[in-house]
Amino acid sequence: MTFTFTPSTTSETIDALAHALETVSHSCAGIESYHHGADLRLRPGTADYAVAAVFRDQQALTDYMTDPQHQRVNTEFATFVAAKSSVQFPVP
């Protein structure tokens, strides 16, 4: 998933988002790999932040998406997100 933040988003807000994502990722079972971070700004036209996660199976993804703690992160940081994009695909 990628996020583009609103212009008023501070570095402190991004740090708080990173901490919240770390907390959620450690509390949800079925996550095999979870990485996130700010864009390095090596090329123009990129998003501001990304999350890359591998889940054990589709149920683990569903559990993560519906987890109350994950929902709380979505709600808490929604006002700072101007755009987001995601894709799900199988990893062999």
Protein backbone atom coordinates (compact mmCIF):
# COMPACT_ATOMS: atom_id res chain seq x y z
CA MET A 1 0.00 0.00 0.00
CA THR A 2 1.20 3.50 -0.72
CA PHE A 3 0.17 6.76 0.90
CA THR A 4 0.45 10.34 -0.24
CA PHE A 5 0.11 12.72 2.68
CA THR A 6 -1.60 16.07 2.82
CA PRO A 7 0.78 19.07 2.67
CA SER A 8 0.24 19.85 6.37
CA THR A 9 1.42 16.42 7.55
CA THR A 10 4.38 16.82 9.91
CA SER A 11 7.37 14.55 10.41
CA GLU A 12 6.08 13.91 13.94
CA THR A 13 2.82 12.59 12.48
CA ILE A 14 4.72 10.31 10.12
CA ASP A 15 6.82 9.05 13.04
CA ALA A 16 3.62 8.37 15.01
CA LEU A 17 2.19 6.47 12.03
CA ALA A 18 5.37 4.38 11.80
CA HIS A 19 5.15 3.53 15.49
CA ALA A 20 1.45 2.63 15.19
CA LEU A 21 2.13 0.38 12.20
CA GLU A 22 4.93 -1.39 14.09
CA THR A 23 2.60 -2.01 17.00
CA VAL A 24 -0.16 -3.40 14.79
CA SER A 25 2.20 -5.59 12.80
CA HIS A 26 3.56 -7.19 15.97
CA SER A 27 0.12 -7.88 17.38
CA CYS A 28 -1.43 -9.63 14.36
CA ALA A 29 -0.85 -13.32 13.78
CA GLY A 30 -0.27 -14.58 10.27
CA ILE A 31 2.09 -11.83 9.10
CA GLU A 32 5.16 -13.41 7.55
CA SER A 33 6.87 -10.17 6.52
CA TYR A 34 6.02 -6.53 7.22
CA HIS A 35 8.06 -3.53 6.10
CA HIS A 36 7.13 0.13 5.91
CA GLY A 37 8.79 3.48 5.50
CA ALA A 38 9.00 6.90 3.93
CA ASP A 39 9.89 7.31 0.28
CA LEU A 40 13.57 7.98 -0.40
CA ARG A 41 12.71 10.67 -2.97
CA LEU A 42 15.02 9.22 -5.59
CA ARG A 43 12.51 9.76 -8.41
CA PRO A 44 9.75 12.29 -8.99
CA GLY A 45 6.10 11.36 -8.84
CA THR A 46 6.24 8.80 -6.05
CA ALA A 47 4.03 8.39 -3.00
CA ASP A 48 5.20 9.51 0.44
CA TYR A 49 5.04 6.24 2.39
CA ALA A 50 4.59 2.54 1.73
CA VAL A 51 3.70 -0.68 3.52
CA ALA A 52 4.73 -4.04 2.06
CA ALA A 53 3.37 -7.08 3.86
CA VAL A 54 3.26 -10.81 3.21
CA PHE A 55 0.51 -12.76 4.95
CA ARG A 56 0.36 -16.49 5.60
CA ASP A 57 -2.93 -16.73 3.71
CA GLN A 58 -5.99 -14.74 2.72
CA GLN A 59 -7.55 -15.25 6.16
CA ALA A 60 -4.52 -13.67 7.83
CA LEU A 61 -4.91 -10.63 5.56
CA THR A 62 -8.61 -10.42 6.41
CA ASP A 63 -7.80 -10.70 10.11
CA TYR A 64 -5.26 -7.88 9.81
CA MET A 65 -7.62 -5.62 7.87
CA THR A 66 -10.45 -6.11 10.36
CA ASP A 67 -8.31 -6.01 13.51
CA PRO A 68 -9.61 -3.26 15.84
CA GLN A 69 -6.10 -1.89 16.37
CA HIS A 70 -5.56 -1.66 12.59
CA GLN A 71 -8.93 0.04 12.20
CA ARG A 72 -7.94 2.53 14.90
CA VAL A 73 -4.73 3.40 12.99
CA ASN A 74 -6.79 3.93 9.81
CA THR A 75 -9.16 6.26 11.62
CA GLU A 76 -6.48 8.14 13.55
CA PHE A 77 -4.37 8.95 10.48
CA ALA A 78 -7.09 9.24 7.81
CA THR A 79 -7.09 13.04 7.83
CA PHE A 80 -3.39 13.07 6.86
CA VAL A 81 -3.83 10.84 3.81
CA ALA A 82 -4.55 12.64 0.54
CA ALA A 83 -4.40 9.44 -1.53
CA LYS A 84 -3.69 5.76 -1.09
CA SER A 85 -3.34 2.78 -3.36
CA SER A 86 -3.07 -0.92 -2.73
CA VAL A 87 -2.79 -4.22 -4.52
CA GLN A 88 -2.99 -7.78 -3.27
CA PHE A 89 -1.31 -10.63 -5.14
CA PRO A 90 -0.18 -14.15 -4.28
CA VAL A 91 3.46 -14.69 -3.34
CA PRO A 92 4.68 -18.18 -4.26
